[in-house]
PDB file of N, CA and C in Angstrom:
ATOM      1  N   MET A   1     136.269 -17.082  76.176  1.00  0.00           N
ATOM      2  CA  MET A   1     134.884 -17.062  75.850  1.00  0.00           C
ATOM      3  C   MET A   1     134.631 -16.528  74.445  1.00  0.00           C
ATOM      4  N   PHE A   2     135.431 -15.575  74.058  1.00  0.00           N
ATOM      5  CA  PHE A   2     135.261 -15.014  72.726  1.00  0.00           C
ATOM      6  C   PHE A   2     135.746 -15.957  71.629  1.00  0.00           C
ATOM      7  N   ARG A   3     136.534 -16.848  72.017  1.00  0.00           N
ATOM      8  CA  ARG A   3     137.099 -17.756  71.020  1.00  0.00           C
ATOM      9  C   ARG A   3     136.102 -18.774  70.507  1.00  0.00           C
ATOM     10  N   ARG A   4     135.222 -19.161  71.321  1.00  0.00           N
ATOM     11  CA  ARG A   4     134.275 -20.194  70.886  1.00  0.00           C
ATOM     12  C   ARG A   4     133.371 -19.718  69.759  1.00  0.00           C
ATOM     13  N   PRO A   5     132.758 -18.543  69.814  1.00  0.00           N
ATOM     14  CA  PRO A   5     131.943 -18.139  68.675  1.00  0.00           C
ATOM     15  C   PRO A   5     132.766 -18.009  67.408  1.00  0.00           C
ATOM     16  N   MET A   6     133.981 -17.563  67.507  1.00  0.00           N
ATOM     17  CA  MET A   6     134.822 -17.436  66.322  1.00  0.00           C
ATOM     18  C   MET A   6     135.186 -18.806  65.781  1.00  0.00           C
ATOM     19  N   ALA A   7     135.387 -19.718  66.678  1.00  0.00           N
ATOM     20  CA  ALA A   7     135.713 -21.069  66.248  1.00  0.00           C
ATOM     21  C   ALA A   7     134.534 -21.686  65.506  1.00  0.00           C
ATOM     22  N   ARG A   8     133.360 -21.378  65.980  1.00  0.00           N
ATOM     23  CA  ARG A   8     132.158 -21.898  65.305  1.00  0.00           C
ATOM     24  C   ARG A   8     132.034 -21.287  63.910  1.00  0.00           C
ATOM     25  N   ARG A   9     132.311 -20.011  63.775  1.00  0.00           N
ATOM     26  CA  ARG A   9     132.240 -19.365  62.461  1.00  0.00           C
ATOM     27  C   ARG A   9     133.263 -19.962  61.504  1.00  0.00           C
ATOM     28  N   ALA A  10     134.403 -20.183  62.000  1.00  0.00           N
ATOM     29  CA  ALA A  10     135.454 -20.777  61.167  1.00  0.00           C
ATOM     30  C   ALA A  10     135.041 -22.183  60.740  1.00  0.00           C
ATOM     31  N   MET A  11     134.441 -22.907  61.624  1.00  0.00           N
ATOM     32  CA  MET A  11     133.991 -24.259  61.313  1.00  0.00           C
ATOM     33  C   MET A  11     132.897 -24.219  60.256  1.00  0.00           C
ATOM     34  N   ARG A  12     132.012 -23.243  60.383  1.00  0.00           N
ATOM     35  CA  ARG A  12     130.933 -23.117  59.395  1.00  0.00           C
ATOM     36  C   ARG A  12     131.507 -22.784  58.019  1.00  0.00           C
ATOM     37  N   ARG A  13     132.491 -21.902  57.973  1.00  0.00           N
ATOM     38  CA  ARG A  13     133.103 -21.543  56.702  1.00  0.00           C
ATOM     39  C   ARG A  13     133.770 -22.754  56.069  1.00  0.00           C
ATOM     40  N   ARG A  14     134.451 -23.494  56.881  1.00  0.00           N
ATOM     41  CA  ARG A  14     135.121 -24.693  56.362  1.00  0.00           C
ATOM     42  C   ARG A  14     134.117 -25.702  55.844  1.00  0.00           C
ATOM     43  N   MET A  15     133.002 -25.848  56.522  1.00  0.00           N
ATOM     44  CA  MET A  15     131.985 -26.803  56.095  1.00  0.00           C
ATOM     45  C   MET A  15     131.180 -26.270  54.911  1.00  0.00           C
ATOM     46  N   GLY A  16     130.972 -24.981  54.858  1.00  0.00           N
ATOM     47  CA  GLY A  16     130.150 -24.398  53.810  1.00  0.00           C
ATOM     48  C   GLY A  16     130.844 -24.337  52.465  1.00  0.00           C
ATOM     49  N   ARG A  17     132.122 -24.100  52.434  1.00  0.00           N
ATOM     50  CA  ARG A  17     132.843 -23.958  51.174  1.00  0.00           C
ATOM     51  C   ARG A  17     132.860 -25.245  50.351  1.00  0.00           C
ATOM     52  N   PRO A  18     133.122 -26.392  50.940  1.00  0.00           N
ATOM     53  CA  PRO A  18     133.084 -27.604  50.119  1.00  0.00           C
ATOM     54  C   PRO A  18     131.687 -27.873  49.545  1.00  0.00           C
ATOM     55  N   LEU A  19     130.645 -27.527  50.289  1.00  0.00           N
ATOM     56  CA  LEU A  19     129.293 -27.740  49.769  1.00  0.00           C
ATOM     57  C   LEU A  19     129.029 -26.819  48.583  1.00  0.00           C
ATOM     58  N   LEU A  20     129.462 -25.575  48.700  1.00  0.00           N
ATOM     59  CA  LEU A  20     129.284 -24.649  47.577  1.00  0.00           C
ATOM     60  C   LEU A  20     130.094 -25.097  46.366  1.00  0.00           C
ATOM     61  N   ARG A  21     131.307 -25.558  46.634  1.00  0.00           N
ATOM     62  CA  ARG A  21     132.161 -26.031  45.551  1.00  0.00           C
ATOM     63  C   ARG A  21     131.529 -27.243  44.861  1.00  0.00           C
ATOM     64  N   ALA A  22     131.002 -28.159  45.646  1.00  0.00           N
ATOM     65  CA  ALA A  22     130.364 -29.343  45.073  1.00  0.00           C
ATOM     66  C   ALA A  22     129.129 -28.950  44.267  1.00  0.00           C
ATOM     67  N   ALA A  23     128.364 -28.002  44.753  1.00  0.00           N
ATOM     68  CA  ALA A  23     127.177 -27.553  44.019  1.00  0.00           C
ATOM     69  C   ALA A  23     127.578 -26.896  42.700  1.00  0.00           C
ATOM     70  N   ALA A  24     128.635 -26.099  42.720  1.00  0.00           N
ATOM     71  CA  ALA A  24     129.092 -25.426  41.502  1.00  0.00           C
ATOM     72  C   ALA A  24     129.609 -26.446  40.493  1.00  0.00           C
ATOM     73  N   VAL A  25     130.399 -27.395  40.953  1.00  0.00           N
ATOM     74  CA  VAL A  25     130.932 -28.419  40.052  1.00  0.00           C
ATOM     75  C   VAL A  25     129.802 -29.270  39.495  1.00  0.00           C
ATOM     76  N   GLY A  26     128.879 -29.644  40.346  1.00  0.00           N
ATOM     77  CA  GLY A  26     127.744 -30.452  39.887  1.00  0.00           C
ATOM     78  C   GLY A  26     126.887 -29.712  38.884  1.00  0.00           C
ATOM     79  N   GLY A  27     126.631 -28.440  39.137  1.00  0.00           N
ATOM     80  CA  GLY A  27     125.836 -27.638  38.203  1.00  0.00           C
ATOM     81  C   GLY A  27     126.533 -27.482  36.865  1.00  0.00           C
ATOM     82  N   ALA A  28     127.832 -27.235  36.911  1.00  0.00           N
ATOM     83  CA  ALA A  28     128.599 -27.099  35.669  1.00  0.00           C
ATOM     84  C   ALA A  28     128.606 -28.418  34.895  1.00  0.00           C
ATOM     85  N   GLY A  29     128.748 -29.516  35.608  1.00  0.00           N
ATOM     86  CA  GLY A  29     128.725 -30.831  34.957  1.00  0.00           C
ATOM     87  C   GLY A  29     127.381 -31.112  34.313  1.00  0.00           C
ATOM     88  N   TYR A  30     126.318 -30.770  35.002  1.00  0.00           N
ATOM     89  CA  TYR A  30     124.971 -30.963  34.455  1.00  0.00           C
ATOM     90  C   TYR A  30     124.794 -30.142  33.184  1.00  0.00           C
ATOM     91  N   TYR A  31     125.190 -28.890  33.231  1.00  0.00           N
ATOM     92  CA  TYR A  31     125.035 -28.001  32.078  1.00  0.00           C
ATOM     93  C   TYR A  31     125.860 -28.501  30.895  1.00  0.00           C
ATOM     94  N   ALA A  32     127.088 -28.933  31.156  1.00  0.00           N
ATOM     95  CA  ALA A  32     127.942 -29.451  30.080  1.00  0.00           C
ATOM     96  C   ALA A  32     127.334 -30.711  29.472  1.00  0.00           C
ATOM     97  N   GLY A  33     126.833 -31.591  30.312  1.00  0.00           N
ATOM     98  CA  GLY A  33     126.217 -32.814  29.807  1.00  0.00           C
ATOM     99  C   GLY A  33     124.984 -32.524  28.960  1.00  0.00           C
ATOM    100  N   LYS A  34     124.226 -31.536  29.398  1.00  0.00           N
ATOM    101  CA  LYS A  34     123.023 -31.158  28.655  1.00  0.00           C
ATOM    102  C   LYS A  34     123.400 -30.617  27.284  1.00  0.00           C
ATOM    103  N   ARG A  35     124.422 -29.775  27.215  1.00  0.00           N
ATOM    104  CA  ARG A  35     124.854 -29.203  25.937  1.00  0.00           C
ATOM    105  C   ARG A  35     125.398 -30.283  25.007  1.00  0.00           C
ATOM    106  N   ILE A  36     126.118 -31.229  25.540  1.00  0.00           N
ATOM    107  CA  ILE A  36     126.648 -32.325  24.719  1.00  0.00           C
ATOM    108  C   ILE A  36     125.503 -33.148  24.156  1.00  0.00           C
ATOM    109  N   SER A  37     124.514 -33.438  24.983  1.00  0.00           N
ATOM    110  CA  SER A  37     123.359 -34.210  24.542  1.00  0.00           C
ATOM    111  C   SER A  37     122.600 -33.477  23.435  1.00  0.00           C
ATOM    112  N   GLU A  38     122.406 -32.161  23.596  1.00  0.00           N
ATOM    113  CA  GLU A  38     121.716 -31.385  22.567  1.00  0.00           C
ATOM    114  C   GLU A  38     122.504 -31.398  21.261  1.00  0.00           C
ATOM    115  N   GLY A  39     123.830 -31.312  21.366  1.00  0.00           N
ATOM    116  CA  GLY A  39     124.684 -31.354  20.176  1.00  0.00           C
ATOM    117  C   GLY A  39     124.590 -32.688  19.466  1.00  0.00           C
ATOM    118  N   GLN A  40     124.546 -33.767  20.228  1.00  0.00           N
ATOM    119  CA  GLN A  40     124.432 -35.097  19.632  1.00  0.00           C
ATOM    120  C   GLN A  40     123.077 -35.274  18.948  1.00  0.00           C
ATOM    121  N   GLN A  41     122.024 -34.744  19.562  1.00  0.00           N
ATOM    122  CA  GLN A  41     120.698 -34.836  18.941  1.00  0.00           C
ATOM    123  C   GLN A  41     120.655 -34.048  17.644  1.00  0.00           C
ATOM    124  N   ALA A  42     121.239 -32.856  17.637  1.00  0.00           N
ATOM    125  CA  ALA A  42     121.260 -32.031  16.423  1.00  0.00           C
ATOM    126  C   ALA A  42     122.062 -32.722  15.327  1.00  0.00           C
ATOM    127  N   GLU A  43     123.167 -33.342  15.697  1.00  0.00           N
ATOM    128  CA  GLU A  43     123.990 -34.045  14.713  1.00  0.00           C
ATOM    129  C   GLU A  43     123.245 -35.254  14.147  1.00  0.00           C
ATOM    130  N   ALA A  44     122.529 -35.974  14.989  1.00  0.00           N
ATOM    131  CA  ALA A  44     121.758 -37.125  14.520  1.00  0.00           C
ATOM    132  C   ALA A  44     120.656 -36.676  13.566  1.00  0.00           C
ATOM    133  N   MET A  45     120.026 -35.536  13.867  1.00  0.00           N
ATOM    134  CA  MET A  45     118.976 -35.020  12.989  1.00  0.00           C
ATOM    135  C   MET A  45     119.568 -34.623  11.639  1.00  0.00           C
ATOM    136  N   GLN A  46     120.733 -33.994  11.643  1.00  0.00           N
ATOM    137  CA  GLN A  46     121.380 -33.610  10.396  1.00  0.00           C
ATOM    138  C   GLN A  46     121.766 -34.842   9.583  1.00  0.00           C
ATOM    139  N   ASP A  47     122.272 -35.874  10.252  1.00  0.00           N
ATOM    140  CA  ASP A  47     122.619 -37.110   9.556  1.00  0.00           C
ATOM    141  C   ASP A  47     121.391 -37.729   8.893  1.00  0.00           C
ATOM    142  N   GLN A  48     120.258 -37.707   9.598  1.00  0.00           N
ATOM    143  CA  GLN A  48     119.024 -38.262   9.048  1.00  0.00           C
ATOM    144  C   GLN A  48     118.565 -37.454   7.832  1.00  0.00           C
ATOM    145  N   GLN A  49     118.647 -36.130   7.915  1.00  0.00           N
ATOM    146  CA  GLN A  49     118.250 -35.288   6.791  1.00  0.00           C
ATOM    147  C   GLN A  49     119.146 -35.529   5.586  1.00  0.00           C
ATOM    148  N   ILE A  50     120.438 -35.685   5.816  1.00  0.00           N
ATOM    149  CA  ILE A  50     121.368 -35.963   4.722  1.00  0.00           C
ATOM    150  C   ILE A  50     121.032 -37.297   4.071  1.00  0.00           C
ATOM    151  N   ALA A  51     120.746 -38.295   4.882  1.00  0.00           N
ATOM    152  CA  ALA A  51     120.394 -39.616   4.340  1.00  0.00           C
ATOM    153  C   ALA A  51     119.103 -39.540   3.517  1.00  0.00           C
ATOM    154  N   ASP A  52     118.114 -38.781   3.996  1.00  0.00           N
ATOM    155  CA  ASP A  52     116.860 -38.628   3.253  1.00  0.00           C
ATOM    156  C   ASP A  52     117.099 -37.942   1.920  1.00  0.00           C
ATOM    157  N   LEU A  53     117.913 -36.896   1.913  1.00  0.00           N
ATOM    158  CA  LEU A  53     118.211 -36.195   0.665  1.00  0.00           C
ATOM    159  C   LEU A  53     118.973 -37.088  -0.314  1.00  0.00           C
ATOM    160  N   GLN A  54     119.894 -37.896   0.193  1.00  0.00           N
ATOM    161  CA  GLN A  54     120.631 -38.810  -0.677  1.00  0.00           C
ATOM    162  C   GLN A  54     119.686 -39.838  -1.281  1.00  0.00           C
ATOM    163  N   ASP A  55     118.723 -40.324  -0.511  1.00  0.00           N
ATOM    164  CA  ASP A  55     117.735 -41.269  -1.039  1.00  0.00           C
ATOM    165  C   ASP A  55     116.894 -40.634  -2.131  1.00  0.00           C
ATOM    166  N   GLN A  56     116.491 -39.377  -1.919  1.00  0.00           N
ATOM    167  CA  GLN A  56     115.690 -38.683  -2.930  1.00  0.00           C
ATOM    168  C   GLN A  56     116.480 -38.497  -4.215  1.00  0.00           C
ATOM    169  N   VAL A  57     117.730 -38.098  -4.100  1.00  0.00           N
ATOM    170  CA  VAL A  57     118.565 -37.891  -5.291  1.00  0.00           C
ATOM    171  C   VAL A  57     118.768 -39.213  -6.019  1.00  0.00           C
ATOM    172  N   ALA A  58     119.003 -40.282  -5.280  1.00  0.00           N
ATOM    173  CA  ALA A  58     119.209 -41.588  -5.906  1.00  0.00           C
ATOM    174  C   ALA A  58     117.957 -42.047  -6.641  1.00  0.00           C
ATOM    175  N   SER A  59     116.785 -41.834  -6.043  1.00  0.00           N
ATOM    176  CA  SER A  59     115.546 -42.265  -6.701  1.00  0.00           C
ATOM    177  C   SER A  59     115.268 -41.415  -7.938  1.00  0.00           C
ATOM    178  N   GLN A  60     115.589 -40.114  -7.887  1.00  0.00           N
ATOM    179  CA  GLN A  60     115.399 -39.264  -9.059  1.00  0.00           C
ATOM    180  C   GLN A  60     116.350 -39.658 -10.174  1.00  0.00           C
ATOM    181  N   GLN A  61     117.579 -40.004  -9.828  1.00  0.00           N
ATOM    182  CA  GLN A  61     118.526 -40.429 -10.846  1.00  0.00           C
ATOM    183  C   GLN A  61     118.107 -41.758 -11.458  1.00  0.00           C
ATOM    184  N   ALA A  62     117.569 -42.644 -10.644  1.00  0.00           N
ATOM    185  CA  ALA A  62     117.116 -43.938 -11.165  1.00  0.00           C
ATOM    186  C   ALA A  62     115.946 -43.746 -12.120  1.00  0.00           C
ATOM    187  N   GLN A  63     115.051 -42.816 -11.792  1.00  0.00           N
ATOM    188  CA  GLN A  63     113.904 -42.570 -12.663  1.00  0.00           C
ATOM    189  C   GLN A  63     114.331 -41.907 -13.960  1.00  0.00           C
ATOM    190  N   SER A  64     115.277 -40.995 -13.898  1.00  0.00           N
ATOM    191  CA  SER A  64     115.680 -40.278 -15.100  1.00  0.00           C
ATOM    192  C   SER A  64     116.568 -41.129 -15.994  1.00  0.00           C
ATOM    193  N   SER A  65     117.309 -42.083 -15.433  1.00  0.00           N
ATOM    194  CA  SER A  65     118.190 -42.903 -16.246  1.00  0.00           C
ATOM    195  C   SER A  65     117.480 -44.121 -16.836  1.00  0.00           C
ATOM    196  N   ALA A  66     116.286 -44.431 -16.377  1.00  0.00           N
ATOM    197  CA  ALA A  66     115.545 -45.571 -16.913  1.00  0.00           C
ATOM    198  C   ALA A  66     115.093 -45.243 -18.336  1.00  0.00           C
ATOM    199  N   PRO A  67     115.251 -46.191 -19.273  1.00  0.00           N
ATOM    200  CA  PRO A  67     114.831 -45.928 -20.646  1.00  0.00           C
ATOM    201  C   PRO A  67     113.309 -45.788 -20.724  1.00  0.00           C
ATOM    202  N   PRO A  68     112.820 -44.955 -21.632  1.00  0.00           N
ATOM    203  CA  PRO A  68     111.368 -44.802 -21.746  1.00  0.00           C
ATOM    204  C   PRO A  68     110.737 -46.117 -22.211  1.00  0.00           C
ATOM    205  N   PRO A  69     109.545 -46.399 -21.746  1.00  0.00           N
ATOM    206  CA  PRO A  69     108.905 -47.668 -22.143  1.00  0.00           C
ATOM    207  C   PRO A  69     108.631 -47.677 -23.645  1.00  0.00           C
ATOM    208  N   GLN A  70     108.900 -48.818 -24.255  1.00  0.00           N
ATOM    209  CA  GLN A  70     108.677 -48.981 -25.690  1.00  0.00           C
ATOM    210  C   GLN A  70     107.220 -49.384 -25.925  1.00  0.00           C
ATOM    211  N   PRO A  71     106.596 -48.830 -26.970  1.00  0.00           N
ATOM    212  CA  PRO A  71     105.217 -49.243 -27.251  1.00  0.00           C
ATOM    213  C   PRO A  71     105.180 -50.708 -27.681  1.00  0.00           C
ATOM    214  N   ALA A  72     104.087 -51.338 -27.336  1.00  0.00           N
ATOM    215  CA  ALA A  72     103.932 -52.752 -27.683  1.00  0.00           C
ATOM    216  C   ALA A  72     103.763 -52.876 -29.188  1.00  0.00           C
ATOM    217  N   PRO A  73     104.398 -53.879 -29.793  1.00  0.00           N
ATOM    218  CA  PRO A  73     104.248 -54.044 -31.245  1.00  0.00           C
ATOM    219  C   PRO A  73     102.811 -54.429 -31.594  1.00  0.00           C
ATOM    220  N   ALA A  74     102.378 -53.961 -32.733  1.00  0.00           N
ATOM    221  CA  ALA A  74     101.018 -54.275 -33.192  1.00  0.00           C
ATOM    222  C   ALA A  74     100.954 -55.758 -33.524  1.00  0.00           C
ATOM    223  N   PRO A  75      99.841 -56.405 -33.231  1.00  0.00           N
ATOM    224  CA  PRO A  75      99.731 -57.827 -33.546  1.00  0.00           C
ATOM    225  C   PRO A  75      99.767 -58.027 -35.066  1.00  0.00           C
ATOM    226  N   ALA A  76     100.522 -58.995 -35.458  1.00  0.00           N
ATOM    227  CA  ALA A  76     100.668 -59.277 -36.891  1.00  0.00           C
ATOM    228  C   ALA A  76      99.440 -60.031 -37.405  1.00  0.00           C
ATOM    229  N   ALA A  77      99.078 -59.720 -38.621  1.00  0.00           N
ATOM    230  CA  ALA A  77      97.943 -60.420 -39.244  1.00  0.00           C
ATOM    231  C   ALA A  77      98.376 -61.840 -39.585  1.00  0.00           C
ATOM    232  N   ALA A  78      97.416 -62.738 -39.631  1.00  0.00           N
ATOM    233  CA  ALA A  78      97.710 -64.129 -39.932  1.00  0.00           C
ATOM    234  C   ALA A  78      98.206 -64.234 -41.377  1.00  0.00           C
ATOM    235  N   PRO A  79      99.268 -65.017 -41.604  1.00  0.00           N
ATOM    236  CA  PRO A  79      99.766 -65.152 -42.970  1.00  0.00           C
ATOM    237  C   PRO A  79      98.719 -65.792 -43.869  1.00  0.00           C
ATOM    238  N   GLY A  80      98.637 -65.304 -45.090  1.00  0.00           N
ATOM    239  CA  GLY A  80      97.670 -65.846 -46.036  1.00  0.00           C
ATOM    240  C   GLY A  80      96.310 -65.195 -45.923  1.00  0.00           C
ATOM    241  N   ALA A  81      96.076 -64.433 -44.847  1.00  0.00           N
ATOM    242  CA  ALA A  81      94.786 -63.792 -44.671  1.00  0.00           C
ATOM    243  C   ALA A  81      94.898 -62.304 -44.957  1.00  0.00           C
ATOM    244  N   GLY A  82      95.982 -61.871 -45.596  1.00  0.00           N
ATOM    245  CA  GLY A  82      96.231 -60.457 -45.853  1.00  0.00           C
ATOM    246  C   GLY A  82      95.159 -59.843 -46.728  1.00  0.00           C
ATOM    247  N   SER A  83      94.817 -60.474 -47.826  1.00  0.00           N
ATOM    248  CA  SER A  83      93.827 -59.891 -48.739  1.00  0.00           C
ATOM    249  C   SER A  83      92.433 -59.909 -48.108  1.00  0.00           C
ATOM    250  N   ASP A  84      92.145 -60.947 -47.324  1.00  0.00           N
ATOM    251  CA  ASP A  84      90.847 -61.035 -46.653  1.00  0.00           C
ATOM    252  C   ASP A  84      90.722 -59.932 -45.584  1.00  0.00           C
ATOM    253  N   THR A  85      91.804 -59.674 -44.852  1.00  0.00           N
ATOM    254  CA  THR A  85      91.814 -58.641 -43.815  1.00  0.00           C
ATOM    255  C   THR A  85      91.634 -57.266 -44.432  1.00  0.00           C
ATOM    256  N   VAL A  86      92.351 -57.034 -45.550  1.00  0.00           N
ATOM    257  CA  VAL A  86      92.259 -55.741 -46.211  1.00  0.00           C
ATOM    258  C   VAL A  86      90.831 -55.508 -46.713  1.00  0.00           C
ATOM    259  N   ALA A  87      90.224 -56.559 -47.272  1.00  0.00           N
ATOM    260  CA  ALA A  87      88.858 -56.439 -47.784  1.00  0.00           C
ATOM    261  C   ALA A  87      87.885 -56.135 -46.639  1.00  0.00           C
ATOM    262  N   ARG A  88      88.084 -56.789 -45.503  1.00  0.00           N
ATOM    263  CA  ARG A  88      87.194 -56.582 -44.351  1.00  0.00           C
ATOM    264  C   ARG A  88      87.360 -55.162 -43.801  1.00  0.00           C
ATOM    265  N   LEU A  89      88.605 -54.652 -43.757  1.00  0.00           N
ATOM    266  CA  LEU A  89      88.842 -53.295 -43.280  1.00  0.00           C
ATOM    267  C   LEU A  89      88.225 -52.261 -44.220  1.00  0.00           C
ATOM    268  N   GLN A  90      88.302 -52.517 -45.540  1.00  0.00           N
ATOM    269  CA  GLN A  90      87.694 -51.585 -46.501  1.00  0.00           C
ATOM    270  C   GLN A  90      86.179 -51.560 -46.335  1.00  0.00           C
ATOM    271  N   GLU A  91      85.604 -52.731 -46.098  1.00  0.00           N
ATOM    272  CA  GLU A  91      84.156 -52.804 -45.879  1.00  0.00           C
ATOM    273  C   GLU A  91      83.753 -52.012 -44.624  1.00  0.00           C
ATOM    274  N   LEU A  92      84.545 -52.155 -43.517  1.00  0.00           N
ATOM    275  CA  LEU A  92      84.270 -51.409 -42.296  1.00  0.00           C
ATOM    276  C   LEU A  92      84.418 -49.904 -42.516  1.00  0.00           C
ATOM    277  N   ALA A  93      85.441 -49.499 -43.318  1.00  0.00           N
ATOM    278  CA  ALA A  93      85.658 -48.080 -43.593  1.00  0.00           C
ATOM    279  C   ALA A  93      84.483 -47.510 -44.377  1.00  0.00           C
ATOM    280  N   ASN A  94      83.946 -48.286 -45.332  1.00  0.00           N
ATOM    281  CA  ASN A  94      82.782 -47.841 -46.108  1.00  0.00           C
ATOM    282  C   ASN A  94      81.563 -47.674 -45.210  1.00  0.00           C
ATOM    283  N   LEU A  95      81.345 -48.626 -44.300  1.00  0.00           N
ATOM    284  CA  LEU A  95      80.214 -48.534 -43.387  1.00  0.00           C
ATOM    285  C   LEU A  95      80.369 -47.317 -42.454  1.00  0.00           C
ATOM    286  N   HIS A  96      81.575 -47.050 -42.023  1.00  0.00           N
ATOM    287  CA  HIS A  96      81.833 -45.901 -41.144  1.00  0.00           C
ATOM    288  C   HIS A  96      81.622 -44.594 -41.893  1.00  0.00           C
ATOM    289  N   ALA A  97      82.094 -44.553 -43.163  1.00  0.00           N
ATOM    290  CA  ALA A  97      81.948 -43.341 -43.968  1.00  0.00           C
ATOM    291  C   ALA A  97      80.479 -43.063 -44.287  1.00  0.00           C
ATOM    292  N   SER A  98      79.690 -44.111 -44.467  1.00  0.00           N
ATOM    293  CA  SER A  98      78.286 -43.910 -44.793  1.00  0.00           C
ATOM    294  C   SER A  98      77.452 -43.582 -43.547  1.00  0.00           C
ATOM    295  N   GLY A  99      78.051 -43.731 -42.331  1.00  0.00           N
ATOM    296  CA  GLY A  99      77.351 -43.366 -41.113  1.00  0.00           C
ATOM    297  C   GLY A  99      76.668 -44.528 -40.429  1.00  0.00           C
ATOM    298  N   VAL A 100      76.819 -45.722 -40.940  1.00  0.00           N
ATOM    299  CA  VAL A 100      76.198 -46.890 -40.330  1.00  0.00           C
ATOM    300  C   VAL A 100      76.902 -47.224 -39.000  1.00  0.00           C
ATOM    301  N   LEU A 101      78.234 -47.088 -38.981  1.00  0.00           N
ATOM    302  CA  LEU A 101      79.006 -47.383 -37.765  1.00  0.00           C
ATOM    303  C   LEU A 101      79.477 -46.062 -37.128  1.00  0.00           C
ATOM    304  N   SER A 102      79.365 -45.979 -35.795  1.00  0.00           N
ATOM    305  CA  SER A 102      79.901 -44.810 -35.079  1.00  0.00           C
ATOM    306  C   SER A 102      81.425 -44.973 -34.952  1.00  0.00           C
ATOM    307  N   ASP A 103      82.069 -43.947 -34.448  1.00  0.00           N
ATOM    308  CA  ASP A 103      83.530 -44.004 -34.286  1.00  0.00           C
ATOM    309  C   ASP A 103      83.937 -45.132 -33.343  1.00  0.00           C
ATOM    310  N   ASP A 104      83.220 -45.280 -32.241  1.00  0.00           N
ATOM    311  CA  ASP A 104      83.548 -46.325 -31.267  1.00  0.00           C
ATOM    312  C   ASP A 104      83.309 -47.716 -31.856  1.00  0.00           C
ATOM    313  N   GLU A 105      82.207 -47.882 -32.575  1.00  0.00           N
ATOM    314  CA  GLU A 105      81.911 -49.182 -33.179  1.00  0.00           C
ATOM    315  C   GLU A 105      82.942 -49.524 -34.245  1.00  0.00           C
ATOM    316  N   PHE A 106      83.347 -48.519 -35.022  1.00  0.00           N
ATOM    317  CA  PHE A 106      84.345 -48.755 -36.062  1.00  0.00           C
ATOM    318  C   PHE A 106      85.680 -49.171 -35.436  1.00  0.00           C
ATOM    319  N   ALA A 107      86.093 -48.477 -34.358  1.00  0.00           N
ATOM    320  CA  ALA A 107      87.360 -48.803 -33.694  1.00  0.00           C
ATOM    321  C   ALA A 107      87.322 -50.216 -33.111  1.00  0.00           C
ATOM    322  N   ALA A 108      86.204 -50.593 -32.509  1.00  0.00           N
ATOM    323  CA  ALA A 108      86.084 -51.930 -31.924  1.00  0.00           C
ATOM    324  C   ALA A 108      86.106 -53.006 -33.002  1.00  0.00           C
ATOM    325  N   ALA A 109      85.401 -52.761 -34.117  1.00  0.00           N
ATOM    326  CA  ALA A 109      85.366 -53.749 -35.198  1.00  0.00           C
ATOM    327  C   ALA A 109      86.744 -53.864 -35.854  1.00  0.00           C
ATOM    328  N   LYS A 110      87.430 -52.742 -35.994  1.00  0.00           N
ATOM    329  CA  LYS A 110      88.766 -52.756 -36.615  1.00  0.00           C
ATOM    330  C   LYS A 110      89.726 -53.572 -35.726  1.00  0.00           C
ATOM    331  N   GLN A 111      89.657 -53.395 -34.423  1.00  0.00           N
ATOM    332  CA  GLN A 111      90.516 -54.156 -33.512  1.00  0.00           C
ATOM    333  C   GLN A 111      90.210 -55.647 -33.604  1.00  0.00           C
ATOM    334  N   LYS A 112      88.945 -55.963 -33.757  1.00  0.00           N
ATOM    335  CA  LYS A 112      88.540 -57.359 -33.868  1.00  0.00           C
ATOM    336  C   LYS A 112      89.087 -57.986 -35.134  1.00  0.00           C
ATOM    337  N   VAL A 113      89.053 -57.253 -36.227  1.00  0.00           N
ATOM    338  CA  VAL A 113      89.545 -57.770 -37.508  1.00  0.00           C
ATOM    339  C   VAL A 113      91.066 -57.934 -37.450  1.00  0.00           C
ATOM    340  N   LEU A 114      91.726 -56.996 -36.808  1.00  0.00           N
ATOM    341  CA  LEU A 114      93.194 -57.052 -36.765  1.00  0.00           C
ATOM    342  C   LEU A 114      93.706 -58.069 -35.734  1.00  0.00           C
ATOM    343  N   GLY A 115      92.815 -58.659 -34.971  1.00  0.00           N
ATOM    344  CA  GLY A 115      93.213 -59.708 -34.034  1.00  0.00           C
ATOM    345  C   GLY A 115      93.540 -59.181 -32.659  1.00  0.00           C
ATOM    346  N   GLY A 116      93.168 -57.955 -32.327  1.00  0.00           N
ATOM    347  CA  GLY A 116      93.464 -57.388 -31.015  1.00  0.00           C
ATOM    348  C   GLY A 116      92.280 -57.448 -30.091  1.00  0.00           C
ATOM    349  N   GLU A 117      91.554 -58.553 -30.131  1.00  0.00           N
ATOM    350  CA  GLU A 117      90.349 -58.682 -29.313  1.00  0.00           C
ATOM    351  C   GLU A 117      90.639 -58.456 -27.880  1.00  0.00           C
TER     352      GLU A 117
END
């Protein structure tokens, strides 16, 4: 009679240990998988940051190595009209000096005479 309760306890121990073992293994596996996933996410973020920094450095180098823009050449006066152009510019300068033309009007008229309409 005493053997039956002991047999039941032994049976419970045998049944309980594999369940505990499975729970421990499963929990450890879950935790390990979670840590690996977090590590992969952190590595992907670092890779993205490195790529962004490399793009910034490349764009800065491209901007600094580009030659400065050259000013546009002044339009050349028409051949044979050199003395006429000079006379017209002197007339405009006289009008500006006497106060007939304002600075803006003088600049606009000078551009017109030089052909930069």
